[in-house]
PDB file of N, CA and C in Angstrom:
ATOM      1  N   UNK A   1     125.357  -3.234 127.628  1.00  0.00           N
ATOM      2  CA  UNK A   1     126.433  -4.001 128.248  1.00  0.00           C
ATOM      3  C   UNK A   1     126.293  -3.907 129.763  1.00  0.00           C
ATOM      4  N   UNK A   2     126.768  -4.889 130.448  1.00  0.00           N
ATOM      5  CA  UNK A   2     126.745  -4.891 131.903  1.00  0.00           C
ATOM      6  C   UNK A   2     128.013  -5.562 132.412  1.00  0.00           C
ATOM      7  N   UNK A   3     128.168  -5.528 133.713  1.00  0.00           N
ATOM      8  CA  UNK A   3     129.334  -6.135 134.347  1.00  0.00           C
ATOM      9  C   UNK A   3     128.855  -7.319 135.170  1.00  0.00           C
ATOM     10  N   UNK A   4     129.231  -8.505 134.778  1.00  0.00           N
ATOM     11  CA  UNK A   4     128.807  -9.707 135.492  1.00  0.00           C
ATOM     12  C   UNK A   4     129.212  -9.598 136.971  1.00  0.00           C
ATOM     13  N   UNK A   5     128.243  -9.769 137.856  1.00  0.00           N
ATOM     14  CA  UNK A   5     128.497  -9.717 139.287  1.00  0.00           C
ATOM     15  C   UNK A   5     128.431  -8.330 139.899  1.00  0.00           C
ATOM     16  N   UNK A   6     128.101  -7.312 139.100  1.00  0.00           N
ATOM     17  CA  UNK A   6     128.056  -5.940 139.616  1.00  0.00           C
ATOM     18  C   UNK A   6     127.056  -5.799 140.761  1.00  0.00           C
ATOM     19  N   UNK A   7     125.871  -6.376 140.592  1.00  0.00           N
ATOM     20  CA  UNK A   7     124.857  -6.256 141.643  1.00  0.00           C
ATOM     21  C   UNK A   7     125.352  -6.852 142.952  1.00  0.00           C
ATOM     22  N   UNK A   8     125.975  -8.006 142.896  1.00  0.00           N
ATOM     23  CA  UNK A   8     126.489  -8.645 144.113  1.00  0.00           C
ATOM     24  C   UNK A   8     127.569  -7.791 144.773  1.00  0.00           C
ATOM     25  N   UNK A   9     128.468  -7.220 143.978  1.00  0.00           N
ATOM     26  CA  UNK A   9     129.530  -6.369 144.524  1.00  0.00           C
ATOM     27  C   UNK A   9     128.950  -5.120 145.194  1.00  0.00           C
ATOM     28  N   UNK A  10     128.002  -4.496 144.503  1.00  0.00           N
ATOM     29  CA  UNK A  10     127.386  -3.264 145.024  1.00  0.00           C
ATOM     30  C   UNK A  10     126.602  -3.584 146.292  1.00  0.00           C
ATOM     31  N   UNK A  11     125.829  -4.648 146.263  1.00  0.00           N
ATOM     32  CA  UNK A  11     125.027  -5.021 147.436  1.00  0.00           C
ATOM     33  C   UNK A  11     125.929  -5.304 148.630  1.00  0.00           C
ATOM     34  N   UNK A  12     127.018  -6.006 148.426  1.00  0.00           N
ATOM     35  CA  UNK A  12     127.942  -6.311 149.521  1.00  0.00           C
ATOM     36  C   UNK A  12     128.493  -5.017 150.132  1.00  0.00           C
ATOM     37  N   UNK A  13     128.854  -4.064 149.307  1.00  0.00           N
ATOM     38  CA  UNK A  13     129.394  -2.790 149.801  1.00  0.00           C
ATOM     39  C   UNK A  13     128.340  -2.012 150.577  1.00  0.00           C
ATOM     40  N   UNK A  14     127.143  -1.938 150.045  1.00  0.00           N
ATOM     41  CA  UNK A  14     126.074  -1.127 150.633  1.00  0.00           C
ATOM     42  C   UNK A  14     125.614  -1.705 151.968  1.00  0.00           C
ATOM     43  N   UNK A  15     125.516  -3.018 152.058  1.00  0.00           N
ATOM     44  CA  UNK A  15     125.031  -3.639 153.291  1.00  0.00           C
ATOM     45  C   UNK A  15     126.007  -3.487 154.455  1.00  0.00           C
ATOM     46  N   UNK A  16     127.221  -3.065 154.184  1.00  0.00           N
ATOM     47  CA  UNK A  16     128.195  -2.811 155.255  1.00  0.00           C
ATOM     48  C   UNK A  16     127.925  -1.479 155.957  1.00  0.00           C
ATOM     49  N   UNK A  17     127.085  -0.626 155.363  1.00  0.00           N
ATOM     50  CA  UNK A  17     126.793   0.678 155.949  1.00  0.00           C
ATOM     51  C   UNK A  17     125.718   0.542 157.020  1.00  0.00           C
ATOM     52  N   UNK A  18     125.880   1.293 158.081  1.00  0.00           N
ATOM     53  CA  UNK A  18     124.953   1.238 159.214  1.00  0.00           C
ATOM     54  C   UNK A  18     123.511   1.503 158.782  1.00  0.00           C
ATOM     55  N   UNK A  19     122.628   0.592 159.178  1.00  0.00           N
ATOM     56  CA  UNK A  19     121.200   0.785 158.970  1.00  0.00           C
ATOM     57  C   UNK A  19     120.661   0.412 157.608  1.00  0.00           C
ATOM     58  N   UNK A  20     121.519  -0.031 156.684  1.00  0.00           N
ATOM     59  CA  UNK A  20     121.047  -0.342 155.332  1.00  0.00           C
ATOM     60  C   UNK A  20     120.645  -1.811 155.238  1.00  0.00           C
ATOM     61  N   UNK A  21     119.505  -2.031 154.593  1.00  0.00           N
ATOM     62  CA  UNK A  21     119.082  -3.396 154.291  1.00  0.00           C
ATOM     63  C   UNK A  21     118.667  -3.459 152.827  1.00  0.00           C
ATOM     64  N   UNK A  22     118.552  -4.679 152.325  1.00  0.00           N
ATOM     65  CA  UNK A  22     118.162  -4.893 150.929  1.00  0.00           C
ATOM     66  C   UNK A  22     116.869  -5.696 150.903  1.00  0.00           C
ATOM     67  N   UNK A  23     116.041  -5.383 149.917  1.00  0.00           N
ATOM     68  CA  UNK A  23     114.789  -6.106 149.735  1.00  0.00           C
ATOM     69  C   UNK A  23     114.418  -6.074 148.263  1.00  0.00           C
ATOM     70  N   UNK A  24     113.428  -6.860 147.888  1.00  0.00           N
ATOM     71  CA  UNK A  24     112.967  -6.855 146.498  1.00  0.00           C
ATOM     72  C   UNK A  24     112.317  -5.514 146.182  1.00  0.00           C
ATOM     73  N   UNK A  25     112.594  -5.005 145.000  1.00  0.00           N
ATOM     74  CA  UNK A  25     111.992  -3.744 144.557  1.00  0.00           C
ATOM     75  C   UNK A  25     110.705  -4.046 143.791  1.00  0.00           C
ATOM     76  N   UNK A  26     109.717  -3.189 143.950  1.00  0.00           N
ATOM     77  CA  UNK A  26     108.394  -3.449 143.354  1.00  0.00           C
ATOM     78  C   UNK A  26     108.421  -3.526 141.824  1.00  0.00           C
ATOM     79  N   UNK A  27     109.431  -2.920 141.177  1.00  0.00           N
ATOM     80  CA  UNK A  27     109.532  -2.983 139.719  1.00  0.00           C
ATOM     81  C   UNK A  27     110.657  -3.917 139.279  1.00  0.00           C
ATOM     82  N   UNK A  28     111.078  -4.794 140.163  1.00  0.00           N
ATOM     83  CA  UNK A  28     112.152  -5.728 139.860  1.00  0.00           C
ATOM     84  C   UNK A  28     113.475  -5.219 140.393  1.00  0.00           C
ATOM     85  N   UNK A  29     114.385  -6.125 140.617  1.00  0.00           N
ATOM     86  CA  UNK A  29     115.689  -5.742 141.129  1.00  0.00           C
ATOM     87  C   UNK A  29     115.735  -5.750 142.640  1.00  0.00           C
ATOM     88  N   UNK A  30     116.771  -5.130 143.164  1.00  0.00           N
ATOM     89  CA  UNK A  30     117.009  -5.063 144.607  1.00  0.00           C
ATOM     90  C   UNK A  30     117.002  -3.618 145.049  1.00  0.00           C
ATOM     91  N   UNK A  31     116.264  -3.358 146.114  1.00  0.00           N
ATOM     92  CA  UNK A  31     116.114  -2.012 146.669  1.00  0.00           C
ATOM     93  C   UNK A  31     116.938  -1.917 147.949  1.00  0.00           C
ATOM     94  N   UNK A  32     117.644  -0.810 148.118  1.00  0.00           N
ATOM     95  CA  UNK A  32     118.433  -0.558 149.318  1.00  0.00           C
ATOM     96  C   UNK A  32     117.706   0.491 150.142  1.00  0.00           C
ATOM     97  N   UNK A  33     117.474   0.174 151.427  1.00  0.00           N
ATOM     98  CA  UNK A  33     116.690   1.068 152.275  1.00  0.00           C
ATOM     99  C   UNK A  33     117.354   1.298 153.623  1.00  0.00           C
ATOM    100  N   UNK A  34     116.999   2.449 154.200  1.00  0.00           N
ATOM    101  CA  UNK A  34     117.299   2.748 155.597  1.00  0.00           C
ATOM    102  C   UNK A  34     115.924   2.874 156.244  1.00  0.00           C
ATOM    103  N   UNK A  35     115.553   1.903 157.061  1.00  0.00           N
ATOM    104  CA  UNK A  35     114.192   1.884 157.584  1.00  0.00           C
ATOM    105  C   UNK A  35     113.231   1.699 156.429  1.00  0.00           C
ATOM    106  N   UNK A  36     112.371   2.703 156.210  1.00  0.00           N
ATOM    107  CA  UNK A  36     111.423   2.643 155.097  1.00  0.00           C
ATOM    108  C   UNK A  36     111.842   3.508 153.919  1.00  0.00           C
ATOM    109  N   UNK A  37     112.971   4.196 154.050  1.00  0.00           N
ATOM    110  CA  UNK A  37     113.410   5.122 153.003  1.00  0.00           C
ATOM    111  C   UNK A  37     114.346   4.440 152.018  1.00  0.00           C
ATOM    112  N   UNK A  38     113.981   4.504 150.756  1.00  0.00           N
ATOM    113  CA  UNK A  38     114.823   3.940 149.707  1.00  0.00           C
ATOM    114  C   UNK A  38     115.965   4.898 149.383  1.00  0.00           C
ATOM    115  N   UNK A  39     117.178   4.360 149.306  1.00  0.00           N
ATOM    116  CA  UNK A  39     118.321   5.175 148.874  1.00  0.00           C
ATOM    117  C   UNK A  39     118.736   4.825 147.454  1.00  0.00           C
ATOM    118  N   UNK A  40     118.080   3.826 146.868  1.00  0.00           N
ATOM    119  CA  UNK A  40     118.348   3.459 145.488  1.00  0.00           C
ATOM    120  C   UNK A  40     117.971   2.010 145.239  1.00  0.00           C
ATOM    121  N   UNK A  41     117.936   1.633 143.968  1.00  0.00           N
ATOM    122  CA  UNK A  41     117.697   0.235 143.619  1.00  0.00           C
ATOM    123  C   UNK A  41     118.452  -0.109 142.343  1.00  0.00           C
ATOM    124  N   UNK A  42     118.765  -1.391 142.232  1.00  0.00           N
ATOM    125  CA  UNK A  42     119.544  -1.866 141.098  1.00  0.00           C
ATOM    126  C   UNK A  42     118.741  -2.902 140.313  1.00  0.00           C
ATOM    127  N   UNK A  43     118.865  -2.810 139.008  1.00  0.00           N
ATOM    128  CA  UNK A  43     118.218  -3.761 138.103  1.00  0.00           C
ATOM    129  C   UNK A  43     119.307  -4.663 137.535  1.00  0.00           C
ATOM    130  N   UNK A  44     119.427  -5.846 138.082  1.00  0.00           N
ATOM    131  CA  UNK A  44     120.443  -6.792 137.631  1.00  0.00           C
ATOM    132  C   UNK A  44     121.837  -6.192 137.707  1.00  0.00           C
ATOM    133  N   UNK A  45     122.653  -6.538 136.751  1.00  0.00           N
ATOM    134  CA  UNK A  45     124.013  -6.000 136.665  1.00  0.00           C
ATOM    135  C   UNK A  45     124.066  -4.817 135.705  1.00  0.00           C
ATOM    136  N   UNK A  46     122.886  -4.253 135.379  1.00  0.00           N
ATOM    137  CA  UNK A  46     122.780  -3.300 134.280  1.00  0.00           C
ATOM    138  C   UNK A  46     122.722  -1.833 134.680  1.00  0.00           C
ATOM    139  N   UNK A  47     121.755  -1.492 135.536  1.00  0.00           N
ATOM    140  CA  UNK A  47     121.626  -0.081 135.868  1.00  0.00           C
ATOM    141  C   UNK A  47     121.079   0.118 137.265  1.00  0.00           C
ATOM    142  N   UNK A  48     121.329   1.319 137.764  1.00  0.00           N
ATOM    143  CA  UNK A  48     121.003   1.723 139.119  1.00  0.00           C
ATOM    144  C   UNK A  48     120.149   2.984 139.051  1.00  0.00           C
ATOM    145  N   UNK A  49     119.082   3.023 139.850  1.00  0.00           N
ATOM    146  CA  UNK A  49     118.237   4.209 139.963  1.00  0.00           C
ATOM    147  C   UNK A  49     118.341   4.728 141.388  1.00  0.00           C
ATOM    148  N   UNK A  50     118.581   6.049 141.523  1.00  0.00           N
ATOM    149  CA  UNK A  50     118.807   6.638 142.843  1.00  0.00           C
ATOM    150  C   UNK A  50     118.037   7.950 142.961  1.00  0.00           C
ATOM    151  N   UNK A  51     117.326   8.145 144.103  1.00  0.00           N
ATOM    152  CA  UNK A  51     116.644   9.420 144.322  1.00  0.00           C
ATOM    153  C   UNK A  51     117.582  10.436 144.966  1.00  0.00           C
ATOM    154  N   UNK A  52     117.500  11.662 144.503  1.00  0.00           N
ATOM    155  CA  UNK A  52     118.267  12.764 145.079  1.00  0.00           C
ATOM    156  C   UNK A  52     117.373  13.993 145.153  1.00  0.00           C
ATOM    157  N   UNK A  53     117.729  14.947 146.008  1.00  0.00           N
ATOM    158  CA  UNK A  53     117.073  16.246 145.892  1.00  0.00           C
ATOM    159  C   UNK A  53     117.328  16.773 144.471  1.00  0.00           C
ATOM    160  N   UNK A  54     116.386  17.493 143.924  1.00  0.00           N
ATOM    161  CA  UNK A  54     116.479  17.933 142.523  1.00  0.00           C
ATOM    162  C   UNK A  54     117.769  18.670 142.218  1.00  0.00           C
ATOM    163  N   UNK A  55     118.224  19.535 143.126  1.00  0.00           N
ATOM    164  CA  UNK A  55     119.456  20.287 142.853  1.00  0.00           C
ATOM    165  C   UNK A  55     120.670  19.365 142.748  1.00  0.00           C
ATOM    166  N   UNK A  56     120.718  18.311 143.557  1.00  0.00           N
ATOM    167  CA  UNK A  56     121.818  17.340 143.487  1.00  0.00           C
ATOM    168  C   UNK A  56     121.724  16.565 142.180  1.00  0.00           C
ATOM    169  N   UNK A  57     120.523  16.140 141.846  1.00  0.00           N
ATOM    170  CA  UNK A  57     120.300  15.422 140.590  1.00  0.00           C
ATOM    171  C   UNK A  57     120.738  16.268 139.403  1.00  0.00           C
ATOM    172  N   UNK A  58     120.366  17.549 139.404  1.00  0.00           N
ATOM    173  CA  UNK A  58     120.743  18.438 138.310  1.00  0.00           C
ATOM    174  C   UNK A  58     122.266  18.544 138.185  1.00  0.00           C
ATOM    175  N   UNK A  59     122.958  18.658 139.313  1.00  0.00           N
ATOM    176  CA  UNK A  59     124.426  18.730 139.294  1.00  0.00           C
ATOM    177  C   UNK A  59     125.046  17.449 138.734  1.00  0.00           C
ATOM    178  N   UNK A  60     124.544  16.303 139.174  1.00  0.00           N
ATOM    179  CA  UNK A  60     125.088  15.025 138.706  1.00  0.00           C
ATOM    180  C   UNK A  60     124.908  14.864 137.198  1.00  0.00           C
ATOM    181  N   UNK A  61     123.743  15.236 136.706  1.00  0.00           N
ATOM    182  CA  UNK A  61     123.473  15.127 135.270  1.00  0.00           C
ATOM    183  C   UNK A  61     124.334  16.120 134.501  1.00  0.00           C
ATOM    184  N   UNK A  62     124.405  17.348 135.000  1.00  0.00           N
ATOM    185  CA  UNK A  62     125.207  18.383 134.326  1.00  0.00           C
ATOM    186  C   UNK A  62     126.674  17.989 134.241  1.00  0.00           C
ATOM    187  N   UNK A  63     127.192  17.355 135.294  1.00  0.00           N
ATOM    188  CA  UNK A  63     128.601  16.945 135.332  1.00  0.00           C
ATOM    189  C   UNK A  63     128.847  15.629 134.583  1.00  0.00           C
ATOM    190  N   UNK A  64     127.804  15.028 134.047  1.00  0.00           N
ATOM    191  CA  UNK A  64     127.955  13.783 133.299  1.00  0.00           C
ATOM    192  C   UNK A  64     128.172  12.562 134.172  1.00  0.00           C
ATOM    193  N   UNK A  65     127.861  12.670 135.461  1.00  0.00           N
ATOM    194  CA  UNK A  65     128.056  11.546 136.381  1.00  0.00           C
ATOM    195  C   UNK A  65     126.874  10.586 136.386  1.00  0.00           C
ATOM    196  N   UNK A  66     125.749  11.013 135.824  1.00  0.00           N
ATOM    197  CA  UNK A  66     124.544  10.180 135.775  1.00  0.00           C
ATOM    198  C   UNK A  66     123.637  10.731 134.686  1.00  0.00           C
ATOM    199  N   UNK A  67     122.627   9.946 134.368  1.00  0.00           N
ATOM    200  CA  UNK A  67     121.625  10.366 133.393  1.00  0.00           C
ATOM    201  C   UNK A  67     120.314  10.657 134.122  1.00  0.00           C
ATOM    202  N   UNK A  68     119.453  11.463 133.515  1.00  0.00           N
ATOM    203  CA  UNK A  68     118.118  11.611 134.092  1.00  0.00           C
ATOM    204  C   UNK A  68     117.468  10.223 134.178  1.00  0.00           C
ATOM    205  N   UNK A  69     116.567  10.044 135.105  1.00  0.00           N
ATOM    206  CA  UNK A  69     115.894   8.751 135.269  1.00  0.00           C
ATOM    207  C   UNK A  69     115.268   8.298 133.948  1.00  0.00           C
ATOM    208  N   UNK A  70     115.397   7.030 133.651  1.00  0.00           N
ATOM    209  CA  UNK A  70     114.948   6.496 132.369  1.00  0.00           C
ATOM    210  C   UNK A  70     113.432   6.526 132.180  1.00  0.00           C
ATOM    211  N   UNK A  71     112.654   6.632 133.255  1.00  0.00           N
ATOM    212  CA  UNK A  71     111.199   6.710 133.161  1.00  0.00           C
ATOM    213  C   UNK A  71     110.682   8.077 133.620  1.00  0.00           C
ATOM    214  N   UNK A  72     111.312   8.634 134.654  1.00  0.00           N
ATOM    215  CA  UNK A  72     110.884   9.911 135.248  1.00  0.00           C
ATOM    216  C   UNK A  72     111.986  10.961 135.088  1.00  0.00           C
ATOM    217  N   UNK A  73     112.252  11.412 133.866  1.00  0.00           N
ATOM    218  CA  UNK A  73     113.399  12.288 133.619  1.00  0.00           C
ATOM    219  C   UNK A  73     113.311  13.669 134.278  1.00  0.00           C
ATOM    220  N   UNK A  74     112.135  14.108 134.661  1.00  0.00           N
ATOM    221  CA  UNK A  74     111.989  15.425 135.279  1.00  0.00           C
ATOM    222  C   UNK A  74     111.907  15.360 136.798  1.00  0.00           C
ATOM    223  N   UNK A  75     112.155  14.195 137.358  1.00  0.00           N
ATOM    224  CA  UNK A  75     112.119  14.028 138.815  1.00  0.00           C
ATOM    225  C   UNK A  75     113.518  14.203 139.399  1.00  0.00           C
ATOM    226  N   UNK A  76     113.659  13.978 140.677  1.00  0.00           N
ATOM    227  CA  UNK A  76     114.964  14.019 141.328  1.00  0.00           C
ATOM    228  C   UNK A  76     115.758  12.734 141.141  1.00  0.00           C
ATOM    229  N   UNK A  77     115.163  11.744 140.516  1.00  0.00           N
ATOM    230  CA  UNK A  77     115.822  10.449 140.325  1.00  0.00           C
ATOM    231  C   UNK A  77     116.843  10.507 139.184  1.00  0.00           C
ATOM    232  N   UNK A  78     117.905   9.708 139.352  1.00  0.00           N
ATOM    233  CA  UNK A  78     118.893   9.525 138.283  1.00  0.00           C
ATOM    234  C   UNK A  78     118.949   8.050 137.912  1.00  0.00           C
ATOM    235  N   UNK A  79     119.442   7.783 136.728  1.00  0.00           N
ATOM    236  CA  UNK A  79     119.774   6.425 136.306  1.00  0.00           C
ATOM    237  C   UNK A  79     121.264   6.404 136.006  1.00  0.00           C
ATOM    238  N   UNK A  80     121.927   5.382 136.518  1.00  0.00           N
ATOM    239  CA  UNK A  80     123.351   5.190 136.262  1.00  0.00           C
ATOM    240  C   UNK A  80     123.525   3.838 135.601  1.00  0.00           C
ATOM    241  N   UNK A  81     124.046   3.825 134.396  1.00  0.00           N
ATOM    242  CA  UNK A  81     124.247   2.586 133.639  1.00  0.00           C
ATOM    243  C   UNK A  81     125.633   2.022 133.962  1.00  0.00           C
ATOM    244  N   UNK A  82     125.658   0.746 134.291  1.00  0.00           N
ATOM    245  CA  UNK A  82     126.908   0.061 134.631  1.00  0.00           C
ATOM    246  C   UNK A  82     127.444  -0.586 133.353  1.00  0.00           C
ATOM    247  N   UNK A  83     128.532  -0.016 132.842  1.00  0.00           N
ATOM    248  CA  UNK A  83     129.096  -0.467 131.560  1.00  0.00           C
ATOM    249  C   UNK A  83     130.421  -1.212 131.709  1.00  0.00           C
ATOM    250  N   UNK A  84     131.161  -0.903 132.790  1.00  0.00           N
ATOM    251  CA  UNK A  84     132.479  -1.520 132.962  1.00  0.00           C
ATOM    252  C   UNK A  84     132.792  -1.628 134.454  1.00  0.00           C
ATOM    253  N   UNK A  85     133.906  -2.276 134.760  1.00  0.00           N
ATOM    254  CA  UNK A  85     134.283  -2.510 136.173  1.00  0.00           C
ATOM    255  C   UNK A  85     134.409  -1.212 136.967  1.00  0.00           C
ATOM    256  N   UNK A  86     134.929  -0.149 136.352  1.00  0.00           N
ATOM    257  CA  UNK A  86     135.090   1.130 137.045  1.00  0.00           C
ATOM    258  C   UNK A  86     133.732   1.709 137.458  1.00  0.00           C
ATOM    259  N   UNK A  87     132.702   1.380 136.708  1.00  0.00           N
ATOM    260  CA  UNK A  87     131.363   1.886 137.028  1.00  0.00           C
ATOM    261  C   UNK A  87     130.805   1.293 138.315  1.00  0.00           C
ATOM    262  N   UNK A  88     131.299   0.134 138.726  1.00  0.00           N
ATOM    263  CA  UNK A  88     130.839  -0.458 139.981  1.00  0.00           C
ATOM    264  C   UNK A  88     131.207   0.472 141.145  1.00  0.00           C
ATOM    265  N   UNK A  89     132.439   0.950 141.180  1.00  0.00           N
ATOM    266  CA  UNK A  89     132.869   1.881 142.233  1.00  0.00           C
ATOM    267  C   UNK A  89     132.101   3.200 142.139  1.00  0.00           C
ATOM    268  N   UNK A  90     131.833   3.662 140.924  1.00  0.00           N
ATOM    269  CA  UNK A  90     131.061   4.897 140.751  1.00  0.00           C
ATOM    270  C   UNK A  90     129.637   4.715 141.254  1.00  0.00           C
ATOM    271  N   UNK A  91     129.061   3.538 141.026  1.00  0.00           N
ATOM    272  CA  UNK A  91     127.708   3.243 141.509  1.00  0.00           C
ATOM    273  C   UNK A  91     127.671   3.264 143.032  1.00  0.00           C
ATOM    274  N   UNK A  92     128.672   2.664 143.656  1.00  0.00           N
ATOM    275  CA  UNK A  92     128.743   2.660 145.124  1.00  0.00           C
ATOM    276  C   UNK A  92     128.879   4.093 145.633  1.00  0.00           C
ATOM    277  N   UNK A  93     129.695   4.904 144.976  1.00  0.00           N
ATOM    278  CA  UNK A  93     129.882   6.300 145.395  1.00  0.00           C
ATOM    279  C   UNK A  93     128.570   7.086 145.277  1.00  0.00           C
ATOM    280  N   UNK A  94     127.803   6.859 144.228  1.00  0.00           N
ATOM    281  CA  UNK A  94     126.515   7.542 144.079  1.00  0.00           C
ATOM    282  C   UNK A  94     125.539   7.096 145.170  1.00  0.00           C
ATOM    283  N   UNK A  95     125.511   5.815 145.448  1.00  0.00           N
ATOM    284  CA  UNK A  95     124.651   5.328 146.531  1.00  0.00           C
ATOM    285  C   UNK A  95     125.091   5.894 147.879  1.00  0.00           C
ATOM    286  N   UNK A  96     126.405   6.039 148.071  1.00  0.00           N
ATOM    287  CA  UNK A  96     126.917   6.613 149.323  1.00  0.00           C
ATOM    288  C   UNK A  96     126.445   8.053 149.474  1.00  0.00           C
ATOM    289  N   UNK A  97     126.410   8.771 148.381  1.00  0.00           N
ATOM    290  CA  UNK A  97     125.925  10.158 148.432  1.00  0.00           C
ATOM    291  C   UNK A  97     124.448  10.188 148.830  1.00  0.00           C
ATOM    292  N   UNK A  98     123.649   9.299 148.269  1.00  0.00           N
ATOM    293  CA  UNK A  98     122.239   9.204 148.639  1.00  0.00           C
ATOM    294  C   UNK A  98     122.102   8.807 150.109  1.00  0.00           C
ATOM    295  N   UNK A  99     122.920   7.858 150.544  1.00  0.00           N
ATOM    296  CA  UNK A  99     122.922   7.410 151.945  1.00  0.00           C
ATOM    297  C   UNK A  99     123.263   8.569 152.882  1.00  0.00           C
ATOM    298  N   UNK A 100     124.304   9.317 152.554  1.00  0.00           N
ATOM    299  CA  UNK A 100     124.714  10.441 153.412  1.00  0.00           C
ATOM    300  C   UNK A 100     123.609  11.491 153.527  1.00  0.00           C
ATOM    301  N   UNK A 101     122.938  11.774 152.428  1.00  0.00           N
ATOM    302  CA  UNK A 101     121.834  12.737 152.454  1.00  0.00           C
ATOM    303  C   UNK A 101     120.710  12.207 153.346  1.00  0.00           C
ATOM    304  N   UNK A 102     120.368  10.941 153.188  1.00  0.00           N
ATOM    305  CA  UNK A 102     119.304  10.331 153.990  1.00  0.00           C
ATOM    306  C   UNK A 102     119.657  10.340 155.474  1.00  0.00           C
ATOM    307  N   UNK A 103     120.897  10.034 155.804  1.00  0.00           N
ATOM    308  CA  UNK A 103     121.312  10.009 157.213  1.00  0.00           C
ATOM    309  C   UNK A 103     121.301  11.411 157.820  1.00  0.00           C
ATOM    310  N   UNK A 104     121.721  12.422 157.054  1.00  0.00           N
ATOM    311  CA  UNK A 104     121.662  13.804 157.558  1.00  0.00           C
ATOM    312  C   UNK A 104     120.217  14.213 157.831  1.00  0.00           C
ATOM    313  N   UNK A 105     119.330  13.881 156.913  1.00  0.00           N
ATOM    314  CA  UNK A 105     117.924  14.234 157.089  1.00  0.00           C
ATOM    315  C   UNK A 105     117.317  13.484 158.270  1.00  0.00           C
ATOM    316  N   UNK A 106     117.686  12.244 158.444  1.00  0.00           N
ATOM    317  CA  UNK A 106     117.203  11.446 159.573  1.00  0.00           C
ATOM    318  C   UNK A 106     117.682  12.037 160.896  1.00  0.00           C
ATOM    319  N   UNK A 107     118.948  12.462 160.924  1.00  0.00           N
ATOM    320  CA  UNK A 107     119.527  13.060 162.114  1.00  0.00           C
ATOM    321  C   UNK A 107     118.810  14.362 162.477  1.00  0.00           C
ATOM    322  N   UNK A 108     118.523  15.195 161.485  1.00  0.00           N
ATOM    323  CA  UNK A 108     117.815  16.450 161.731  1.00  0.00           C
ATOM    324  C   UNK A 108     116.419  16.211 162.287  1.00  0.00           C
ATOM    325  N   UNK A 109     115.735  15.209 161.767  1.00  0.00           N
ATOM    326  CA  UNK A 109     114.367  14.911 162.233  1.00  0.00           C
ATOM    327  C   UNK A 109     114.358  14.407 163.662  1.00  0.00           C
ATOM    328  N   UNK A 110     115.415  13.716 164.064  1.00  0.00           N
ATOM    329  CA  UNK A 110     115.430  13.137 165.411  1.00  0.00           C
ATOM    330  C   UNK A 110     115.886  14.120 166.482  1.00  0.00           C
ATOM    331  N   UNK A 111     116.309  15.314 166.085  1.00  0.00           N
ATOM    332  CA  UNK A 111     116.736  16.316 167.076  1.00  0.00           C
ATOM    333  C   UNK A 111     115.563  17.013 167.695  1.00  0.00           C
TER     334      UNK A 111
END
């Protein structure tokens, strides 16, 4: 199941954040990036894949907030399936967490 228009809603929210742009993802869907760094990508209105440090990924999976990545289950990536309208806000929140981590790391590198 998916939520019609979820990708458009999520993309609109994400593009409002400083430095984020959207582009085609190499495996289909839309990829959200800061510069050259991917903070996640969405496949239609169905599911979202997001990279995290392994410890963050482990916490999200343990708390039931996301699933291990559908192709790379032992990596830092998670998969979040969009099943209902409430999941759209949860998807944005997960992407925001990835964005915040990326921005902190970017800030540290530029010091």
